[in-house]
Each structure stands twice: as structure tokens, then as C-alpha cells.
C-alpha atoms as a PDB file:
ATOM      1  CA  UNK A   1      95.259 117.684  64.126  1.00  0.00           C
ATOM      2  CA  UNK A   2      98.931 118.583  63.794  1.00  0.00           C
ATOM      3  CA  UNK A   3     100.797 119.523  66.960  1.00  0.00           C
ATOM      4  CA  UNK A   4     103.635 121.954  66.443  1.00  0.00           C
ATOM      5  CA  UNK A   5     106.742 121.349  68.556  1.00  0.00           C
ATOM      6  CA  UNK A   6     107.169 123.837  71.381  1.00  0.00           C
ATOM      7  CA  UNK A   7     108.091 123.937  75.037  1.00  0.00           C
ATOM      8  CA  UNK A   8     104.534 124.381  76.245  1.00  0.00           C
ATOM      9  CA  UNK A   9     101.360 122.741  74.978  1.00  0.00           C
ATOM     10  CA  UNK A  10      97.902 124.147  75.340  1.00  0.00           C
ATOM     11  CA  UNK A  11      95.128 121.900  76.618  1.00  0.00           C
ATOM     12  CA  UNK A  12      93.858 121.019  73.156  1.00  0.00           C
ATOM     13  CA  UNK A  13      97.301 120.019  71.891  1.00  0.00           C
ATOM     14  CA  UNK A  14      97.986 117.961  74.986  1.00  0.00           C
ATOM     15  CA  UNK A  15      94.709 116.079  74.749  1.00  0.00           C
ATOM     16  CA  UNK A  16      95.292 115.407  71.064  1.00  0.00           C
ATOM     17  CA  UNK A  17      98.619 113.747  71.823  1.00  0.00           C
ATOM     18  CA  UNK A  18      97.144 111.553  74.543  1.00  0.00           C
ATOM     19  CA  UNK A  19      94.247 110.607  72.265  1.00  0.00           C
ATOM     20  CA  UNK A  20      96.779 109.528  69.660  1.00  0.00           C
ATOM     21  CA  UNK A  21      98.662 107.539  72.301  1.00  0.00           C
ATOM     22  CA  UNK A  22      95.419 105.776  73.228  1.00  0.00           C
ATOM     23  CA  UNK A  23      95.107 104.638  69.625  1.00  0.00           C
ATOM     24  CA  UNK A  24      98.664 103.267  69.653  1.00  0.00           C
ATOM     25  CA  UNK A  25     100.535 106.167  68.033  1.00  0.00           C
ATOM     26  CA  UNK A  26     104.181 105.589  68.968  1.00  0.00           C
ATOM     27  CA  UNK A  27     105.316 108.955  67.620  1.00  0.00           C
ATOM     28  CA  UNK A  28     102.888 110.739  69.933  1.00  0.00           C
ATOM     29  CA  UNK A  29     104.083 108.602  72.829  1.00  0.00           C
ATOM     30  CA  UNK A  30     107.718 109.505  72.088  1.00  0.00           C
ATOM     31  CA  UNK A  31     106.848 113.211  72.057  1.00  0.00           C
ATOM     32  CA  UNK A  32     105.014 112.974  75.357  1.00  0.00           C
ATOM     33  CA  UNK A  33     107.897 111.009  76.878  1.00  0.00           C
ATOM     34  CA  UNK A  34     110.563 113.507  75.847  1.00  0.00           C
ATOM     35  CA  UNK A  35     108.387 116.439  76.879  1.00  0.00           C
ATOM     36  CA  UNK A  36     107.476 115.188  80.354  1.00  0.00           C
ATOM     37  CA  UNK A  37     110.556 113.145  81.172  1.00  0.00           C
ATOM     38  CA  UNK A  38     112.694 116.256  81.694  1.00  0.00           C
ATOM     39  CA  UNK A  39     110.047 117.667  84.042  1.00  0.00           C
ATOM     40  CA  UNK A  40     109.003 114.566  85.971  1.00  0.00           C
ATOM     41  CA  UNK A  41     112.535 113.267  86.557  1.00  0.00           C
ATOM     42  CA  UNK A  42     113.701 116.259  88.683  1.00  0.00           C
ATOM     43  CA  UNK A  43     110.360 116.168  90.511  1.00  0.00           C
ATOM     44  CA  UNK A  44     110.943 112.515  91.494  1.00  0.00           C
ATOM     45  CA  UNK A  45     114.654 113.030  92.159  1.00  0.00           C
ATOM     46  CA  UNK A  46     113.902 115.843  94.584  1.00  0.00           C
ATOM     47  CA  UNK A  47     111.784 113.409  96.606  1.00  0.00           C
ATOM     48  CA  UNK A  48     113.879 110.253  96.511  1.00  0.00           C
ATOM     49  CA  UNK A  49     117.439 111.676  96.277  1.00  0.00           C
ATOM     50  CA  UNK A  50     118.684 108.854  94.047  1.00  0.00           C
ATOM     51  CA  UNK A  51     119.217 109.214  90.311  1.00  0.00           C
ATOM     52  CA  UNK A  52     119.060 105.458  89.740  1.00  0.00           C
ATOM     53  CA  UNK A  53     115.753 105.061  91.601  1.00  0.00           C
ATOM     54  CA  UNK A  54     114.353 108.211  89.986  1.00  0.00           C
ATOM     55  CA  UNK A  55     115.153 106.843  86.530  1.00  0.00           C
ATOM     56  CA  UNK A  56     113.491 103.524  87.390  1.00  0.00           C
ATOM     57  CA  UNK A  57     110.363 105.259  88.666  1.00  0.00           C
ATOM     58  CA  UNK A  58     110.061 107.516  85.612  1.00  0.00           C
ATOM     59  CA  UNK A  59     110.604 104.547  83.301  1.00  0.00           C
ATOM     60  CA  UNK A  60     107.887 102.641  85.159  1.00  0.00           C
ATOM     61  CA  UNK A  61     105.465 105.553  84.821  1.00  0.00           C
ATOM     62  CA  UNK A  62     105.822 105.729  81.053  1.00  0.00           C
ATOM     63  CA  UNK A  63     105.746 101.948  80.726  1.00  0.00           C
ATOM     64  CA  UNK A  64     102.412 101.953  82.532  1.00  0.00           C
ATOM     65  CA  UNK A  65     101.221 104.819  80.336  1.00  0.00           C
ATOM     66  CA  UNK A  66     101.853 102.756  77.225  1.00  0.00           C
ATOM     67  CA  UNK A  67     100.481  99.503  78.676  1.00  0.00           C
ATOM     68  CA  UNK A  68      97.284 101.244  79.801  1.00  0.00           C
ATOM     69  CA  UNK A  69      97.225 103.778  76.979  1.00  0.00           C
ATOM     70  CA  UNK A  70      93.537 103.202  76.183  1.00  0.00           C
ATOM     71  CA  UNK A  71      92.688 104.803  79.523  1.00  0.00           C
ATOM     72  CA  UNK A  72      94.430 108.035  78.494  1.00  0.00           C
ATOM     73  CA  UNK A  73      91.336 109.321  76.692  1.00  0.00           C
ATOM     74  CA  UNK A  74      89.558 109.493  80.066  1.00  0.00           C
ATOM     75  CA  UNK A  75      92.156 111.752  81.681  1.00  0.00           C
ATOM     76  CA  UNK A  76      90.792 115.270  81.977  1.00  0.00           C
ATOM     77  CA  UNK A  77      94.207 116.672  82.872  1.00  0.00           C
ATOM     78  CA  UNK A  78      96.931 114.338  81.522  1.00  0.00           C
ATOM     79  CA  UNK A  79      99.812 116.393  82.908  1.00  0.00           C
ATOM     80  CA  UNK A  80      98.377 116.382  86.417  1.00  0.00           C
ATOM     81  CA  UNK A  81      97.671 112.656  86.132  1.00  0.00           C
ATOM     82  CA  UNK A  82     101.284 111.866  85.203  1.00  0.00           C
ATOM     83  CA  UNK A  83     102.624 113.906  88.111  1.00  0.00           C
ATOM     84  CA  UNK A  84     100.193 112.166  90.441  1.00  0.00           C
ATOM     85  CA  UNK A  85     101.457 108.808  89.181  1.00  0.00           C
ATOM     86  CA  UNK A  86     105.021 110.013  89.781  1.00  0.00           C
ATOM     87  CA  UNK A  87     104.237 111.090  93.341  1.00  0.00           C
ATOM     88  CA  UNK A  88     102.452 107.819  94.154  1.00  0.00           C
ATOM     89  CA  UNK A  89     105.225 105.638  92.709  1.00  0.00           C
ATOM     90  CA  UNK A  90     107.858 107.633  94.579  1.00  0.00           C
ATOM     91  CA  UNK A  91     105.982 107.396  97.883  1.00  0.00           C
ATOM     92  CA  UNK A  92     105.613 103.641  97.410  1.00  0.00           C
ATOM     93  CA  UNK A  93     109.364 103.356  96.866  1.00  0.00           C
ATOM     94  CA  UNK A  94     110.109 105.507  99.917  1.00  0.00           C
ATOM     95  CA  UNK A  95     107.835 103.305 102.046  1.00  0.00           C
ATOM     96  CA  UNK A  96     109.658 100.218 100.760  1.00  0.00           C
ATOM     97  CA  UNK A  97     113.030 101.762 101.598  1.00  0.00           C
ATOM     98  CA  UNK A  98     111.752 102.660 105.059  1.00  0.00           C
ATOM     99  CA  UNK A  99     110.565  99.093 105.714  1.00  0.00           C
ATOM    100  CA  UNK A 100     113.882  97.659 104.529  1.00  0.00           C
ATOM    101  CA  UNK A 101     115.790 100.122 106.712  1.00  0.00           C
ATOM    102  CA  UNK A 102     113.714  99.170 109.742  1.00  0.00           C
ATOM    103  CA  UNK A 103     114.315  95.478 109.042  1.00  0.00           C
ATOM    104  CA  UNK A 104     118.069  96.008 108.768  1.00  0.00           C
ATOM    105  CA  UNK A 105     118.075  98.019 112.000  1.00  0.00           C
ATOM    106  CA  UNK A 106     116.081  95.321 113.797  1.00  0.00           C
ATOM    107  CA  UNK A 107     118.352  92.610 112.430  1.00  0.00           C
ATOM    108  CA  UNK A 108     121.468  94.554 113.445  1.00  0.00           C
ATOM    109  CA  UNK A 109     120.145  95.005 116.980  1.00  0.00           C
ATOM    110  CA  UNK A 110     119.194  91.346 117.244  1.00  0.00           C
ATOM    111  CA  UNK A 111     122.595  90.223 115.928  1.00  0.00           C
ATOM    112  CA  UNK A 112     124.313  92.543 118.413  1.00  0.00           C
ATOM    113  CA  UNK A 113     122.437  90.964 121.328  1.00  0.00           C
ATOM    114  CA  UNK A 114     122.653  87.357 120.137  1.00  0.00           C
ATOM    115  CA  UNK A 115     125.466  85.123 121.448  1.00  0.00           C
ATOM    116  CA  UNK A 116     128.023  84.147 118.818  1.00  0.00           C
ATOM    117  CA  UNK A 117     127.292  80.428 119.187  1.00  0.00           C
ATOM    118  CA  UNK A 118     123.598  81.061 118.371  1.00  0.00           C
ATOM    119  CA  UNK A 119     124.553  82.936 115.190  1.00  0.00           C
ATOM    120  CA  UNK A 120     126.963  80.188 114.167  1.00  0.00           C
ATOM    121  CA  UNK A 121     124.271  77.578 114.742  1.00  0.00           C
ATOM    122  CA  UNK A 122     121.843  79.500 112.511  1.00  0.00           C
ATOM    123  CA  UNK A 123     124.443  79.931 109.781  1.00  0.00           C
ATOM    124  CA  UNK A 124     125.162  76.230 109.917  1.00  0.00           C
ATOM    125  CA  UNK A 125     121.524  75.710 109.015  1.00  0.00           C
ATOM    126  CA  UNK A 126     120.969  72.515 111.010  1.00  0.00           C
ATOM    127  CA  UNK A 127     119.408  74.214 113.997  1.00  0.00           C
ATOM    128  CA  UNK A 128     117.122  76.319 111.826  1.00  0.00           C
ATOM    129  CA  UNK A 129     115.967  73.301 109.833  1.00  0.00           C
ATOM    130  CA  UNK A 130     115.273  71.401 113.029  1.00  0.00           C
ATOM    131  CA  UNK A 131     113.324  74.343 114.457  1.00  0.00           C
ATOM    132  CA  UNK A 132     111.160  74.586 111.336  1.00  0.00           C
ATOM    133  CA  UNK A 133     110.628  70.807 111.360  1.00  0.00           C
ATOM    134  CA  UNK A 134     109.470  70.945 114.971  1.00  0.00           C
ATOM    135  CA  UNK A 135     107.143  73.870 114.195  1.00  0.00           C
ATOM    136  CA  UNK A 136     105.573  72.033 111.247  1.00  0.00           C
ATOM    137  CA  UNK A 137     105.056  68.952 113.405  1.00  0.00           C
ATOM    138  CA  UNK A 138     102.779  70.958 115.721  1.00  0.00           C
ATOM    139  CA  UNK A 139     100.242  71.606 112.930  1.00  0.00           C
ATOM    140  CA  UNK A 140      96.848  69.873 113.118  1.00  0.00           C
ATOM    141  CA  UNK A 141      96.506  66.860 110.729  1.00  0.00           C
ATOM    142  CA  UNK A 142      94.541  68.559 107.919  1.00  0.00           C
ATOM    143  CA  UNK A 143      96.603  71.733 108.090  1.00  0.00           C
ATOM    144  CA  UNK A 144      99.754  69.618 108.030  1.00  0.00           C
ATOM    145  CA  UNK A 145      98.567  67.839 104.869  1.00  0.00           C
ATOM    146  CA  UNK A 146      97.879  71.141 103.143  1.00  0.00           C
ATOM    147  CA  UNK A 147     101.260  72.535 104.189  1.00  0.00           C
ATOM    148  CA  UNK A 148     103.188  69.522 102.938  1.00  0.00           C
ATOM    149  CA  UNK A 149     101.338  69.402  99.619  1.00  0.00           C
ATOM    150  CA  UNK A 150     101.780  73.110  98.849  1.00  0.00           C
ATOM    151  CA  UNK A 151     105.024  74.034 100.571  1.00  0.00           C
ATOM    152  CA  UNK A 152     107.032  70.813 100.433  1.00  0.00           C
ATOM    153  CA  UNK A 153     105.678  69.120  97.296  1.00  0.00           C
ATOM    154  CA  UNK A 154     104.984  72.368  95.429  1.00  0.00           C
ATOM    155  CA  UNK A 155     101.385  71.626  94.454  1.00  0.00           C
ATOM    156  CA  UNK A 156      99.149  74.516  93.424  1.00  0.00           C
ATOM    157  CA  UNK A 157      96.237  75.504  95.632  1.00  0.00           C
ATOM    158  CA  UNK A 158      93.870  74.013  93.070  1.00  0.00           C
ATOM    159  CA  UNK A 159      95.680  70.663  92.886  1.00  0.00           C
ATOM    160  CA  UNK A 160      95.948  70.413  96.655  1.00  0.00           C
ATOM    161  CA  UNK A 161      92.249  71.236  97.004  1.00  0.00           C
ATOM    162  CA  UNK A 162      91.276  68.527  94.513  1.00  0.00           C
ATOM    163  CA  UNK A 163      93.494  65.943  96.177  1.00  0.00           C
ATOM    164  CA  UNK A 164      92.080  66.676  99.629  1.00  0.00           C
ATOM    165  CA  UNK A 165      88.512  67.242  98.490  1.00  0.00           C
ATOM    166  CA  UNK A 166      88.297  70.764  99.879  1.00  0.00           C
ATOM    167  CA  UNK A 167      87.901  74.218  98.367  1.00  0.00           C
ATOM    168  CA  UNK A 168      90.762  76.431  97.213  1.00  0.00           C
ATOM    169  CA  UNK A 169      89.747  79.043  99.799  1.00  0.00           C
ATOM    170  CA  UNK A 170      90.040  76.401 102.519  1.00  0.00           C
ATOM    171  CA  UNK A 171      93.544  75.544 101.300  1.00  0.00           C
ATOM    172  CA  UNK A 172      94.501  79.214 101.429  1.00  0.00           C
ATOM    173  CA  UNK A 173      93.063  79.561 104.920  1.00  0.00           C
ATOM    174  CA  UNK A 174      94.997  76.511 106.145  1.00  0.00           C
ATOM    175  CA  UNK A 175      98.252  77.856 104.718  1.00  0.00           C
ATOM    176  CA  UNK A 176      97.759  81.283 106.263  1.00  0.00           C
ATOM    177  CA  UNK A 177      97.067  79.750 109.645  1.00  0.00           C
ATOM    178  CA  UNK A 178      99.968  77.310 109.257  1.00  0.00           C
ATOM    179  CA  UNK A 179     102.347  80.200 108.550  1.00  0.00           C
ATOM    180  CA  UNK A 180     101.083  82.087 111.594  1.00  0.00           C
ATOM    181  CA  UNK A 181     101.411  79.008 113.799  1.00  0.00           C
ATOM    182  CA  UNK A 182     104.919  78.165 112.565  1.00  0.00           C
ATOM    183  CA  UNK A 183     106.118  81.733 113.126  1.00  0.00           C
ATOM    184  CA  UNK A 184     104.590  81.778 116.602  1.00  0.00           C
ATOM    185  CA  UNK A 185     106.328  78.503 117.497  1.00  0.00           C
ATOM    186  CA  UNK A 186     109.720  79.671 116.184  1.00  0.00           C
ATOM    187  CA  UNK A 187     109.523  83.058 117.915  1.00  0.00           C
ATOM    188  CA  UNK A 188     108.849  81.319 121.238  1.00  0.00           C
ATOM    189  CA  UNK A 189     112.134  79.381 121.034  1.00  0.00           C
ATOM    190  CA  UNK A 190     115.605  80.609 122.066  1.00  0.00           C
ATOM    191  CA  UNK A 191     117.075  82.529 119.140  1.00  0.00           C
ATOM    192  CA  UNK A 192     113.711  82.436 117.415  1.00  0.00           C
ATOM    193  CA  UNK A 193     113.576  86.171 116.794  1.00  0.00           C
ATOM    194  CA  UNK A 194     116.886  85.996 114.943  1.00  0.00           C
ATOM    195  CA  UNK A 195     115.676  83.067 112.862  1.00  0.00           C
ATOM    196  CA  UNK A 196     112.477  84.833 111.852  1.00  0.00           C
ATOM    197  CA  UNK A 197     114.332  88.015 110.927  1.00  0.00           C
ATOM    198  CA  UNK A 198     116.858  86.202 108.792  1.00  0.00           C
ATOM    199  CA  UNK A 199     114.246  84.006 107.147  1.00  0.00           C
ATOM    200  CA  UNK A 200     112.298  87.170 106.397  1.00  0.00           C
ATOM    201  CA  UNK A 201     115.374  88.769 104.800  1.00  0.00           C
ATOM    202  CA  UNK A 202     115.609  85.874 102.369  1.00  0.00           C
ATOM    203  CA  UNK A 203     111.870  85.816 101.656  1.00  0.00           C
ATOM    204  CA  UNK A 204     111.362  82.293 103.044  1.00  0.00           C
END
């Protein structure tokens, strides 16, 4: 079926294009992209107020459309589905921005109330390393073995499990509990809140 270029597609034309996309038709994909991009972009921009982020979100939407193109034949209303994807991706990004803003605010408040010598000690790194070392030392023997194998030696869960003769799920459970215990120990120490915030900022 040939689809004539126009500004509005009827339901049959729209479904035909998405069926062609599902079969790997790049020309159909390009037409859908150019048609919807100029409509979805302002929709996203109105929500997120950033052209750069809006462009990234729209690009991600169409990348996912192509990657999962075989699913397109199951969409009863392709246009509505794309706008739903746009809304969901934008809300996810807004939630991420909100979390990062809250973290920065918490860090700023903690830095404001932390004595300068404590901040200098953290930046020096020695005090932080010692605090982490002390926290790790409080772990029970088996949990300590798992932590050292996975976190310090870089072994995979599977390799650590085989070496210790335990299941992968048990390794995961030990690591989760070790992380909780280490964080609890650090937070209980003077300046611990600052350390946890800054370690969190750097994804450690």
C-alpha cells in the first residue's frame, strides 16, 4: 500500500507505516520520525523546559521504536503509544532531576554545617579510607570474604560463589547486607553523613 505524503495520516495509513517499520523498512521509519518528531519534541519540551534534554528524550524514543520495531504491529494506536512513551520518558527524567537536586541540597546543607577541618580531612582521603576500612572490619567472617572477593578483588558473583561453595543468590545477599552494615557504621561516626553523601555523589 502506498502512503501519500501529507500532514495528517488516517488510521489505515498510519498502521501501514508501522507495519512496514516492524518488517525493517527504514524509509517508513524515516517518515514516521520526521512526522512525529516535530509534534513530540514540543510536547516533551513543554514538560521538561530544556531543549537539550528534550532532544535526548525524543532521540531515545525513536531509538527504542527501531530496536523494538517488531512490537509495533501490536500497537492499536501507534500515535498514542509514542506520546505515552514520550510522557513516561520525560517523567522518568524529571524524577531523576528531582533526586539529584535533593542530593545537592542535602550535600550543601551538610557542607554548611560541617567544620572546615572535617571537610579537609575527607578531601585528603585518608580519614575516609580509614573509616571504610574500619567498617569493613566489622563484617562477619563469611560476609567479609564475599565482600573482599567481589568488591576488592573484582570477582564476579558466580566466581565468588564457586570459590566459597555457596550459591550466587547467597553472594548477592551477603553483599547487600555488607553494604547496609558498612553504611550504618559510617553514618554513626563523626562526619559520617558527609562521607556517605559524597561517596554517593561519586557512585562509590
